[in-house]
Amino acid sequence: ELTPMMTFPTSNQDGDNAKEQNGNSRAGFLKVFHFATALDWLLIVLGVLAAAASGAGIPILTFLIRDIINEGFSRGAAGIGSRQIREMAWQFLYIGYGIA
């Protein structure tokens, strides 16, 4: 018989099996990682760090766009110099590379 959700045995502090109303026991969040190997833990840590770096890219882009807008409006009709445009383009490239 197939069940819709995989269940793992757990126990509470008294040592009794924790049961749901339907009779299936469920594992806690940390119990899922009980059988993880060192490679699994390494991949989990790398995944968390990569997700944090990817998530930090969008707020960094907002700061960069803010600087472009502020620089453009502060110079008025003179506009932004080609050197500054090149520097900002490189910053976009670095951030895009970091997000990907």
PDB file of N, CA and C in Angstrom:
ATOM      1  N   GLU A   1       0.856  -1.183   0.000  1.00  0.00           N
ATOM      2  CA  GLU A   1       0.000   0.000   0.000  1.00  0.00           C
ATOM      3  C   GLU A   1       0.894   1.236   0.000  1.00  0.00           C
ATOM      4  N   LEU A   2       0.655   2.162  -0.900  1.00  0.00           N
ATOM      5  CA  LEU A   2       1.417   3.404  -0.970  1.00  0.00           C
ATOM      6  C   LEU A   2       0.738   4.474  -0.133  1.00  0.00           C
ATOM      7  N   THR A   3       1.546   5.206   0.597  1.00  0.00           N
ATOM      8  CA  THR A   3       1.012   6.322   1.381  1.00  0.00           C
ATOM      9  C   THR A   3       1.451   7.623   0.740  1.00  0.00           C
ATOM     10  N   PRO A   4       0.670   8.677   0.885  1.00  0.00           N
ATOM     11  CA  PRO A   4       1.011   9.937   0.223  1.00  0.00           C
ATOM     12  C   PRO A   4       2.236  10.620   0.804  1.00  0.00           C
ATOM     13  N   MET A   5       2.593  10.326   2.038  1.00  0.00           N
ATOM     14  CA  MET A   5       3.739  10.979   2.646  1.00  0.00           C
ATOM     15  C   MET A   5       4.616   9.941   3.337  1.00  0.00           C
ATOM     16  N   MET A   6       5.906  10.057   3.152  1.00  0.00           N
ATOM     17  CA  MET A   6       6.838   9.141   3.787  1.00  0.00           C
ATOM     18  C   MET A   6       6.937   9.489   5.262  1.00  0.00           C
ATOM     19  N   THR A   7       6.866   8.519   6.130  1.00  0.00           N
ATOM     20  CA  THR A   7       6.926   8.781   7.563  1.00  0.00           C
ATOM     21  C   THR A   7       8.119   8.062   8.168  1.00  0.00           C
ATOM     22  N   PHE A   8       8.634   8.635   9.216  1.00  0.00           N
ATOM     23  CA  PHE A   8       9.766   8.079   9.935  1.00  0.00           C
ATOM     24  C   PHE A   8       9.388   7.925  11.396  1.00  0.00           C
ATOM     25  N   PRO A   9       9.860   6.881  12.069  1.00  0.00           N
ATOM     26  CA  PRO A   9       9.537   6.736  13.482  1.00  0.00           C
ATOM     27  C   PRO A   9      10.288   7.761  14.332  1.00  0.00           C
ATOM     28  N   THR A  10       9.585   8.319  15.263  1.00  0.00           N
ATOM     29  CA  THR A  10      10.198   9.250  16.214  1.00  0.00           C
ATOM     30  C   THR A  10       9.736   8.874  17.610  1.00  0.00           C
ATOM     31  N   SER A  11      10.376   9.431  18.587  1.00  0.00           N
ATOM     32  CA  SER A  11       9.931   9.208  19.949  1.00  0.00           C
ATOM     33  C   SER A  11       9.972  10.514  20.707  1.00  0.00           C
ATOM     34  N   ASN A  12       9.078  10.649  21.662  1.00  0.00           N
ATOM     35  CA  ASN A  12       9.080  11.852  22.489  1.00  0.00           C
ATOM     36  C   ASN A  12       9.965  11.631  23.708  1.00  0.00           C
ATOM     37  N   GLN A  13       9.925  12.537  24.656  1.00  0.00           N
ATOM     38  CA  GLN A  13      10.823  12.445  25.811  1.00  0.00           C
ATOM     39  C   GLN A  13      10.544  11.219  26.670  1.00  0.00           C
ATOM     40  N   ASP A  14       9.312  10.739  26.677  1.00  0.00           N
ATOM     41  CA  ASP A  14       8.974   9.577  27.492  1.00  0.00           C
ATOM     42  C   ASP A  14       9.394   8.265  26.840  1.00  0.00           C
ATOM     43  N   GLY A  15       9.847   8.317  25.597  1.00  0.00           N
ATOM     44  CA  GLY A  15      10.261   7.109  24.912  1.00  0.00           C
ATOM     45  C   GLY A  15       9.138   6.454  24.133  1.00  0.00           C
ATOM     46  N   ASP A  16       7.932   6.992  24.218  1.00  0.00           N
ATOM     47  CA  ASP A  16       6.808   6.439  23.460  1.00  0.00           C
ATOM     48  C   ASP A  16       6.841   6.978  22.045  1.00  0.00           C
ATOM     49  N   ASN A  17       6.320   6.199  21.128  1.00  0.00           N
ATOM     50  CA  ASN A  17       6.246   6.668  19.745  1.00  0.00           C
ATOM     51  C   ASN A  17       5.189   7.750  19.630  1.00  0.00           C
ATOM     52  N   ALA A  18       5.570   8.840  18.948  1.00  0.00           N
ATOM     53  CA  ALA A  18       4.627   9.922  18.703  1.00  0.00           C
ATOM     54  C   ALA A  18       3.748   9.522  17.530  1.00  0.00           C
ATOM     55  N   LYS A  19       2.466   9.508  17.731  1.00  0.00           N
ATOM     56  CA  LYS A  19       1.530   9.079  16.698  1.00  0.00           C
ATOM     57  C   LYS A  19       0.604  10.231  16.339  1.00  0.00           C
ATOM     58  N   GLU A  20       0.285  10.309  15.059  1.00  0.00           N
ATOM     59  CA  GLU A  20      -0.748  11.233  14.617  1.00  0.00           C
ATOM     60  C   GLU A  20      -2.096  10.552  14.780  1.00  0.00           C
ATOM     61  N   GLN A  21      -3.147  11.241  14.483  1.00  0.00           N
ATOM     62  CA  GLN A  21      -4.480  10.663  14.608  1.00  0.00           C
ATOM     63  C   GLN A  21      -4.686   9.510  13.637  1.00  0.00           C
ATOM     64  N   ASN A  22      -4.030   9.554  12.474  1.00  0.00           N
ATOM     65  CA  ASN A  22      -4.219   8.477  11.501  1.00  0.00           C
ATOM     66  C   ASN A  22      -3.321   7.270  11.784  1.00  0.00           C
ATOM     67  N   GLY A  23      -2.479   7.335  12.805  1.00  0.00           N
ATOM     68  CA  GLY A  23      -1.664   6.198  13.194  1.00  0.00           C
ATOM     69  C   GLY A  23      -0.253   6.225  12.658  1.00  0.00           C
ATOM     70  N   ASN A  24       0.080   7.131  11.760  1.00  0.00           N
ATOM     71  CA  ASN A  24       1.437   7.213  11.223  1.00  0.00           C
ATOM     72  C   ASN A  24       2.286   8.117  12.107  1.00  0.00           C
ATOM     73  N   SER A  25       3.523   7.705  12.331  1.00  0.00           N
ATOM     74  CA  SER A  25       4.425   8.567  13.087  1.00  0.00           C
ATOM     75  C   SER A  25       5.168   9.465  12.115  1.00  0.00           C
ATOM     76  N   ARG A  26       5.557  10.653  12.574  1.00  0.00           N
ATOM     77  CA  ARG A  26       6.246  11.604  11.707  1.00  0.00           C
ATOM     78  C   ARG A  26       7.566  11.994  12.354  1.00  0.00           C
ATOM     79  N   ALA A  27       8.550  12.239  11.514  1.00  0.00           N
ATOM     80  CA  ALA A  27       9.873  12.613  12.002  1.00  0.00           C
ATOM     81  C   ALA A  27       9.946  14.109  12.213  1.00  0.00           C
ATOM     82  N   GLY A  28      10.756  14.527  13.157  1.00  0.00           N
ATOM     83  CA  GLY A  28      11.026  15.937  13.343  1.00  0.00           C
ATOM     84  C   GLY A  28      11.958  16.431  12.249  1.00  0.00           C
ATOM     85  N   PHE A  29      12.144  17.732  12.206  1.00  0.00           N
ATOM     86  CA  PHE A  29      12.949  18.326  11.144  1.00  0.00           C
ATOM     87  C   PHE A  29      14.385  17.820  11.182  1.00  0.00           C
ATOM     88  N   LEU A  30      15.007  17.788  12.332  1.00  0.00           N
ATOM     89  CA  LEU A  30      16.410  17.366  12.430  1.00  0.00           C
ATOM     90  C   LEU A  30      16.578  15.858  12.280  1.00  0.00           C
ATOM     91  N   LYS A  31      15.533  15.096  12.547  1.00  0.00           N
ATOM     92  CA  LYS A  31      15.614  13.644  12.428  1.00  0.00           C
ATOM     93  C   LYS A  31      15.812  13.218  10.973  1.00  0.00           C
ATOM     94  N   VAL A  32      15.383  14.065  10.050  1.00  0.00           N
ATOM     95  CA  VAL A  32      15.541  13.757   8.627  1.00  0.00           C
ATOM     96  C   VAL A  32      17.020  13.664   8.263  1.00  0.00           C
ATOM     97  N   PHE A  33      17.857  14.427   8.930  1.00  0.00           N
ATOM     98  CA  PHE A  33      19.284  14.457   8.634  1.00  0.00           C
ATOM     99  C   PHE A  33      20.082  13.434   9.436  1.00  0.00           C
ATOM    100  N   HIS A  34      19.424  12.557  10.115  1.00  0.00           N
ATOM    101  CA  HIS A  34      20.095  11.583  10.978  1.00  0.00           C
ATOM    102  C   HIS A  34      21.034  10.670  10.193  1.00  0.00           C
ATOM    103  N   PHE A  35      20.677  10.289   9.002  1.00  0.00           N
ATOM    104  CA  PHE A  35      21.479   9.367   8.205  1.00  0.00           C
ATOM    105  C   PHE A  35      22.354  10.083   7.179  1.00  0.00           C
ATOM    106  N   ALA A  36      22.498  11.389   7.291  1.00  0.00           N
ATOM    107  CA  ALA A  36      23.305  12.147   6.327  1.00  0.00           C
ATOM    108  C   ALA A  36      24.788  11.832   6.522  1.00  0.00           C
ATOM    109  N   THR A  37      25.478  11.680   5.416  1.00  0.00           N
ATOM    110  CA  THR A  37      26.919  11.431   5.458  1.00  0.00           C
ATOM    111  C   THR A  37      27.659  12.764   5.462  1.00  0.00           C
ATOM    112  N   ALA A  38      28.979  12.699   5.557  1.00  0.00           N
ATOM    113  CA  ALA A  38      29.789  13.923   5.547  1.00  0.00           C
ATOM    114  C   ALA A  38      29.634  14.664   4.221  1.00  0.00           C
ATOM    115  N   LEU A  39      29.533  13.919   3.132  1.00  0.00           N
ATOM    116  CA  LEU A  39      29.320  14.551   1.826  1.00  0.00           C
ATOM    117  C   LEU A  39      27.962  15.257   1.784  1.00  0.00           C
ATOM    118  N   ASP A  40      26.943  14.623   2.352  1.00  0.00           N
ATOM    119  CA  ASP A  40      25.620  15.247   2.401  1.00  0.00           C
ATOM    120  C   ASP A  40      25.670  16.569   3.166  1.00  0.00           C
ATOM    121  N   TRP A  41      26.340  16.569   4.310  1.00  0.00           N
ATOM    122  CA  TRP A  41      26.450  17.797   5.111  1.00  0.00           C
ATOM    123  C   TRP A  41      27.222  18.874   4.359  1.00  0.00           C
ATOM    124  N   LEU A  42      28.281  18.486   3.674  1.00  0.00           N
ATOM    125  CA  LEU A  42      29.044  19.447   2.882  1.00  0.00           C
ATOM    126  C   LEU A  42      28.169  20.071   1.803  1.00  0.00           C
ATOM    127  N   LEU A  43      27.393  19.255   1.104  1.00  0.00           N
ATOM    128  CA  LEU A  43      26.512  19.759   0.060  1.00  0.00           C
ATOM    129  C   LEU A  43      25.394  20.636   0.628  1.00  0.00           C
ATOM    130  N   ILE A  44      24.890  20.302   1.793  1.00  0.00           N
ATOM    131  CA  ILE A  44      23.871  21.122   2.439  1.00  0.00           C
ATOM    132  C   ILE A  44      24.438  22.496   2.781  1.00  0.00           C
ATOM    133  N   VAL A  45      25.629  22.520   3.362  1.00  0.00           N
ATOM    134  CA  VAL A  45      26.261  23.791   3.735  1.00  0.00           C
ATOM    135  C   VAL A  45      26.557  24.623   2.495  1.00  0.00           C
ATOM    136  N   LEU A  46      27.097  23.995   1.455  1.00  0.00           N
ATOM    137  CA  LEU A  46      27.368  24.720   0.213  1.00  0.00           C
ATOM    138  C   LEU A  46      26.083  25.264  -0.406  1.00  0.00           C
ATOM    139  N   GLY A  47      25.022  24.500  -0.352  1.00  0.00           N
ATOM    140  CA  GLY A  47      23.743  24.953  -0.887  1.00  0.00           C
ATOM    141  C   GLY A  47      23.180  26.129  -0.131  1.00  0.00           C
ATOM    142  N   VAL A  48      23.301  26.099   1.199  1.00  0.00           N
ATOM    143  CA  VAL A  48      22.820  27.219   2.012  1.00  0.00           C
ATOM    144  C   VAL A  48      23.631  28.482   1.722  1.00  0.00           C
ATOM    145  N   LEU A  49      24.953  28.343   1.623  1.00  0.00           N
ATOM    146  CA  LEU A  49      25.794  29.506   1.323  1.00  0.00           C
ATOM    147  C   LEU A  49      25.507  30.061  -0.072  1.00  0.00           C
ATOM    148  N   ALA A  50      25.308  29.180  -1.040  1.00  0.00           N
ATOM    149  CA  ALA A  50      25.003  29.637  -2.396  1.00  0.00           C
ATOM    150  C   ALA A  50      23.647  30.328  -2.446  1.00  0.00           C
ATOM    151  N   ALA A  51      22.684  29.824  -1.702  1.00  0.00           N
ATOM    152  CA  ALA A  51      21.366  30.452  -1.673  1.00  0.00           C
ATOM    153  C   ALA A  51      21.438  31.831  -1.025  1.00  0.00           C
ATOM    154  N   ALA A  52      22.235  31.960   0.036  1.00  0.00           N
ATOM    155  CA  ALA A  52      22.389  33.261   0.692  1.00  0.00           C
ATOM    156  C   ALA A  52      23.076  34.260  -0.235  1.00  0.00           C
ATOM    157  N   ALA A  53      24.099  33.815  -0.949  1.00  0.00           N
ATOM    158  CA  ALA A  53      24.797  34.712  -1.880  1.00  0.00           C
ATOM    159  C   ALA A  53      23.883  35.119  -3.027  1.00  0.00           C
ATOM    160  N   SER A  54      23.107  34.189  -3.523  1.00  0.00           N
ATOM    161  CA  SER A  54      22.182  34.502  -4.611  1.00  0.00           C
ATOM    162  C   SER A  54      21.090  35.458  -4.140  1.00  0.00           C
ATOM    163  N   GLY A  55      20.606  35.263  -2.955  1.00  0.00           N
ATOM    164  CA  GLY A  55      19.573  36.140  -2.409  1.00  0.00           C
ATOM    165  C   GLY A  55      20.082  37.531  -2.098  1.00  0.00           C
ATOM    166  N   ALA A  56      21.365  37.658  -1.801  1.00  0.00           N
ATOM    167  CA  ALA A  56      21.939  38.970  -1.494  1.00  0.00           C
ATOM    168  C   ALA A  56      22.176  39.791  -2.755  1.00  0.00           C
ATOM    169  N   GLY A  57      22.141  39.174  -3.919  1.00  0.00           N
ATOM    170  CA  GLY A  57      22.419  39.893  -5.167  1.00  0.00           C
ATOM    171  C   GLY A  57      21.391  40.947  -5.501  1.00  0.00           C
ATOM    172  N   ILE A  58      20.123  40.687  -5.258  1.00  0.00           N
ATOM    173  CA  ILE A  58      19.072  41.641  -5.613  1.00  0.00           C
ATOM    174  C   ILE A  58      19.175  42.925  -4.792  1.00  0.00           C
ATOM    175  N   PRO A  59      19.339  42.868  -3.475  1.00  0.00           N
ATOM    176  CA  PRO A  59      19.511  44.120  -2.738  1.00  0.00           C
ATOM    177  C   PRO A  59      20.766  44.888  -3.163  1.00  0.00           C
ATOM    178  N   ILE A  60      21.832  44.181  -3.508  1.00  0.00           N
ATOM    179  CA  ILE A  60      23.049  44.863  -3.969  1.00  0.00           C
ATOM    180  C   ILE A  60      22.775  45.580  -5.287  1.00  0.00           C
ATOM    181  N   LEU A  61      21.991  44.954  -6.160  1.00  0.00           N
ATOM    182  CA  LEU A  61      21.635  45.603  -7.424  1.00  0.00           C
ATOM    183  C   LEU A  61      20.831  46.878  -7.189  1.00  0.00           C
ATOM    184  N   THR A  62      19.970  46.897  -6.180  1.00  0.00           N
ATOM    185  CA  THR A  62      19.199  48.116  -5.910  1.00  0.00           C
ATOM    186  C   THR A  62      20.119  49.254  -5.494  1.00  0.00           C
ATOM    187  N   PHE A  63      21.164  48.961  -4.743  1.00  0.00           N
ATOM    188  CA  PHE A  63      22.125  50.007  -4.368  1.00  0.00           C
ATOM    189  C   PHE A  63      22.879  50.514  -5.596  1.00  0.00           C
ATOM    190  N   LEU A  64      23.229  49.615  -6.489  1.00  0.00           N
ATOM    191  CA  LEU A  64      23.944  50.019  -7.694  1.00  0.00           C
ATOM    192  C   LEU A  64      23.050  50.876  -8.596  1.00  0.00           C
ATOM    193  N   ILE A  65      21.806  50.490  -8.763  1.00  0.00           N
ATOM    194  CA  ILE A  65      20.885  51.285  -9.571  1.00  0.00           C
ATOM    195  C   ILE A  65      20.650  52.648  -8.925  1.00  0.00           C
ATOM    196  N   ARG A  66      20.569  52.680  -7.600  1.00  0.00           N
ATOM    197  CA  ARG A  66      20.426  53.957  -6.894  1.00  0.00           C
ATOM    198  C   ARG A  66      21.603  54.868  -7.209  1.00  0.00           C
ATOM    199  N   ASP A  67      22.804  54.331  -7.195  1.00  0.00           N
ATOM    200  CA  ASP A  67      23.989  55.145  -7.490  1.00  0.00           C
ATOM    201  C   ASP A  67      23.962  55.664  -8.925  1.00  0.00           C
ATOM    202  N   ILE A  68      23.515  54.835  -9.858  1.00  0.00           N
ATOM    203  CA  ILE A  68      23.437  55.269 -11.254  1.00  0.00           C
ATOM    204  C   ILE A  68      22.436  56.408 -11.396  1.00  0.00           C
ATOM    205  N   ILE A  69      21.280  56.257 -10.766  1.00  0.00           N
ATOM    206  CA  ILE A  69      20.258  57.302 -10.864  1.00  0.00           C
ATOM    207  C   ILE A  69      20.736  58.583 -10.192  1.00  0.00           C
ATOM    208  N   ASN A  70      21.304  58.481  -9.006  1.00  0.00           N
ATOM    209  CA  ASN A  70      21.788  59.671  -8.306  1.00  0.00           C
ATOM    210  C   ASN A  70      22.888  60.378  -9.085  1.00  0.00           C
ATOM    211  N   GLU A  71      23.792  59.608  -9.659  1.00  0.00           N
ATOM    212  CA  GLU A  71      24.893  60.191 -10.432  1.00  0.00           C
ATOM    213  C   GLU A  71      24.365  60.891 -11.676  1.00  0.00           C
ATOM    214  N   GLY A  72      23.398  60.277 -12.353  1.00  0.00           N
ATOM    215  CA  GLY A  72      22.842  60.865 -13.561  1.00  0.00           C
ATOM    216  C   GLY A  72      22.087  62.151 -13.293  1.00  0.00           C
ATOM    217  N   PHE A  73      21.295  62.188 -12.221  1.00  0.00           N
ATOM    218  CA  PHE A  73      20.531  63.387 -11.910  1.00  0.00           C
ATOM    219  C   PHE A  73      21.399  64.497 -11.344  1.00  0.00           C
ATOM    220  N   SER A  74      22.470  64.143 -10.644  1.00  0.00           N
ATOM    221  CA  SER A  74      23.324  65.182 -10.060  1.00  0.00           C
ATOM    222  C   SER A  74      24.127  65.915 -11.132  1.00  0.00           C
ATOM    223  N   ARG A  75      24.424  65.249 -12.239  1.00  0.00           N
ATOM    224  CA  ARG A  75      25.194  65.881 -13.321  1.00  0.00           C
ATOM    225  C   ARG A  75      24.313  66.658 -14.283  1.00  0.00           C
ATOM    226  N   GLY A  76      23.017  66.391 -14.260  1.00  0.00           N
ATOM    227  CA  GLY A  76      22.100  67.128 -15.125  1.00  0.00           C
ATOM    228  C   GLY A  76      22.302  66.808 -16.589  1.00  0.00           C
ATOM    229  N   ALA A  77      22.315  67.858 -17.413  1.00  0.00           N
ATOM    230  CA  ALA A  77      22.407  67.675 -18.862  1.00  0.00           C
ATOM    231  C   ALA A  77      23.779  67.155 -19.291  1.00  0.00           C
ATOM    232  N   ALA A  78      24.800  67.354 -18.450  1.00  0.00           N
ATOM    233  CA  ALA A  78      26.147  66.894 -18.804  1.00  0.00           C
ATOM    234  C   ALA A  78      26.217  65.370 -18.862  1.00  0.00           C
ATOM    235  N   GLY A  79      25.378  64.694 -18.098  1.00  0.00           N
ATOM    236  CA  GLY A  79      25.338  63.236 -18.116  1.00  0.00           C
ATOM    237  C   GLY A  79      26.499  62.604 -17.364  1.00  0.00           C
ATOM    238  N   ILE A  80      26.589  61.311 -17.480  1.00  0.00           N
ATOM    239  CA  ILE A  80      27.634  60.539 -16.795  1.00  0.00           C
ATOM    240  C   ILE A  80      28.760  60.305 -17.788  1.00  0.00           C
ATOM    241  N   GLY A  81      30.001  60.392 -17.303  1.00  0.00           N
ATOM    242  CA  GLY A  81      31.156  60.162 -18.161  1.00  0.00           C
ATOM    243  C   GLY A  81      31.283  58.708 -18.570  1.00  0.00           C
ATOM    244  N   SER A  82      32.006  58.482 -19.661  1.00  0.00           N
ATOM    245  CA  SER A  82      32.149  57.113 -20.169  1.00  0.00           C
ATOM    246  C   SER A  82      32.931  56.226 -19.201  1.00  0.00           C
ATOM    247  N   ARG A  83      33.860  56.781 -18.450  1.00  0.00           N
ATOM    248  CA  ARG A  83      34.616  55.998 -17.476  1.00  0.00           C
ATOM    249  C   ARG A  83      33.692  55.490 -16.374  1.00  0.00           C
ATOM    250  N   GLN A  84      32.787  56.355 -15.902  1.00  0.00           N
ATOM    251  CA  GLN A  84      31.855  55.932 -14.854  1.00  0.00           C
ATOM    252  C   GLN A  84      30.864  54.898 -15.385  1.00  0.00           C
ATOM    253  N   ILE A  85      30.430  55.069 -16.615  1.00  0.00           N
ATOM    254  CA  ILE A  85      29.523  54.086 -17.205  1.00  0.00           C
ATOM    255  C   ILE A  85      30.217  52.730 -17.296  1.00  0.00           C
ATOM    256  N   ARG A  86      31.480  52.722 -17.701  1.00  0.00           N
ATOM    257  CA  ARG A  86      32.238  51.476 -17.799  1.00  0.00           C
ATOM    258  C   ARG A  86      32.379  50.820 -16.430  1.00  0.00           C
ATOM    259  N   GLU A  87      32.676  51.610 -15.399  1.00  0.00           N
ATOM    260  CA  GLU A  87      32.816  51.054 -14.043  1.00  0.00           C
ATOM    261  C   GLU A  87      31.497  50.441 -13.566  1.00  0.00           C
ATOM    262  N   MET A  88      30.398  51.151 -13.814  1.00  0.00           N
ATOM    263  CA  MET A  88      29.090  50.629 -13.384  1.00  0.00           C
ATOM    264  C   MET A  88      28.708  49.382 -14.179  1.00  0.00           C
ATOM    265  N   ALA A  89      29.071  49.322 -15.453  1.00  0.00           N
ATOM    266  CA  ALA A  89      28.795  48.125 -16.254  1.00  0.00           C
ATOM    267  C   ALA A  89      29.568  46.931 -15.703  1.00  0.00           C
ATOM    268  N   TRP A  90      30.824  47.156 -15.323  1.00  0.00           N
ATOM    269  CA  TRP A  90      31.607  46.070 -14.714  1.00  0.00           C
ATOM    270  C   TRP A  90      30.986  45.625 -13.397  1.00  0.00           C
ATOM    271  N   GLN A  91      30.465  46.573 -12.612  1.00  0.00           N
ATOM    272  CA  GLN A  91      29.812  46.202 -11.349  1.00  0.00           C
ATOM    273  C   GLN A  91      28.592  45.330 -11.617  1.00  0.00           C
ATOM    274  N   PHE A  92      27.780  45.693 -12.621  1.00  0.00           N
ATOM    275  CA  PHE A  92      26.635  44.856 -12.994  1.00  0.00           C
ATOM    276  C   PHE A  92      27.100  43.463 -13.398  1.00  0.00           C
ATOM    277  N   LEU A  93      28.155  43.397 -14.159  1.00  0.00           N
ATOM    278  CA  LEU A  93      28.675  42.109 -14.602  1.00  0.00           C
ATOM    279  C   LEU A  93      29.123  41.254 -13.420  1.00  0.00           C
ATOM    280  N   TYR A  94      29.843  41.856 -12.477  1.00  0.00           N
ATOM    281  CA  TYR A  94      30.306  41.107 -11.304  1.00  0.00           C
ATOM    282  C   TYR A  94      29.123  40.595 -10.471  1.00  0.00           C
ATOM    283  N   ILE A  95      28.140  41.452 -10.276  1.00  0.00           N
ATOM    284  CA  ILE A  95      26.990  41.038  -9.471  1.00  0.00           C
ATOM    285  C   ILE A  95      26.206  39.946 -10.198  1.00  0.00           C
ATOM    286  N   GLY A  96      26.014  40.103 -11.492  1.00  0.00           N
ATOM    287  CA  GLY A  96      25.324  39.068 -12.266  1.00  0.00           C
ATOM    288  C   GLY A  96      26.054  37.750 -12.239  1.00  0.00           C
ATOM    289  N   TYR A  97      27.369  37.790 -12.307  1.00  0.00           N
ATOM    290  CA  TYR A  97      28.168  36.565 -12.219  1.00  0.00           C
ATOM    291  C   TYR A  97      28.029  35.943 -10.828  1.00  0.00           C
ATOM    292  N   GLY A  98      27.997  36.795  -9.803  1.00  0.00           N
ATOM    293  CA  GLY A  98      27.854  36.293  -8.447  1.00  0.00           C
ATOM    294  C   GLY A  98      26.493  35.659  -8.176  1.00  0.00           C
ATOM    295  N   ILE A  99      25.455  36.212  -8.788  1.00  0.00           N
ATOM    296  CA  ILE A  99      24.112  35.656  -8.600  1.00  0.00           C
ATOM    297  C   ILE A  99      23.964  34.325  -9.313  1.00  0.00           C
ATOM    298  N   ALA A 100      24.554  34.229 -10.491  1.00  0.00           N
ATOM    299  CA  ALA A 100      24.428  32.994 -11.279  1.00  0.00           C
ATOM    300  C   ALA A 100      25.326  31.953 -10.688  1.00  0.00           C
TER     301      ALA A 100
END
